[in-house]
């Protein structure tokens, strides 16, 4: 019954390693115990309880479009539920009206005694059924159809506000991407010309060219070299502008994703509550199946449904970065430099082949290179 403790008995060599090893073994045993206690059929449910979100899984190409499409589908679903309630209400009211017409058409019955009593009871029950169905129709219209339509309109207005602001930010980033791409193309094109003309000017100095021609070629090379510096500066400035804008874009996009997910979860929960009301008001007419329907409705889980959508439609978790400056003649740059609403721009066309460099004519008395061999015609 001694009071032993790690703090008193593991001060010797490798004491800390011994304790750490024991802790790791305990963790493994704990995990094995969990797997043993839960049936294998429950394991997928346990692993699926991850906290997935729009803000973490739709940064890939067209991610914003995927989320917006889902929200539009949700709006259409609300419209469908509201239409169902409206049509069901109309059916109930028409049924009640038909029963009332039937009662009027069969009211002139001349009977006595027990047969008369039985017939009056049937008519009374039919009249009660007509009233119940009429009341059901009014309830479906007032308490379900109209609130669903109002919820759809209110949520659409709120979503439009968020989407308009988000699209402005997305468009601004897309414009910056386009400016970077165009400035890079101008820089690469001018740098190529500067390189080619500098090579021509250097060779002209060693060839039999007049001094006037050499001066012109050097001036042309210097002109392209200055333009190259200007376009390089423009290229770097366009990247710097995007770097400055990047934090704003990331925060605005993430906050929009969070708000849109909140609205989607709110939509699912609202539909669930309305379906619960629907089953409740229909229970007197479907007593046997009402309990089963109620269990189905209560099983609706907004978190699970949203995560199911994310798992099946996610576009990527890596936030697109800002392209890096790529000096002429080198390859590289950020692999994820495009926003979630932008498709990558088309690749630049291949550069044209360099112009041929003129070879000085052989001087008199010398022999030039032999002409290429031409095979005889077949």
Foldseek 3Di string as FASTA:
>chain_A
DDDDDLVVPQPDPCSVVVVVVVVVVVVVVVVVVVPVVDDPVCVVVVVLPDQDFLLQFQFFAQSVVLLVVVVVVLLVVLVVQLVVLLVQLVVLLVVLVVLVVVCVVPVPDDDDDPVVVVVVVVNVVSNVSSVLSNVSSVCSNPVPNVVSVVLSVVLVVVLVVLVVVLVVLQVVLVVLVVQLVVLLVQLQVLVVVLVLLVVLLVVCVVDPDDPVVSVVSVVVSVVSVVVNVVSLVSNVVSLVVSVVSVVVSSVSVSVSRRVSLVSQLVSQVVVLVSQLVSLVSCCVVPVPCSVVSNVVSVPRDSSSVVSVSSVVDGRRRDNADGWDDDPHPDDDTGPRNHGRHDDDDDDDDDDDDRDDRDDDDDDPPDDDDDDDDDDDDD
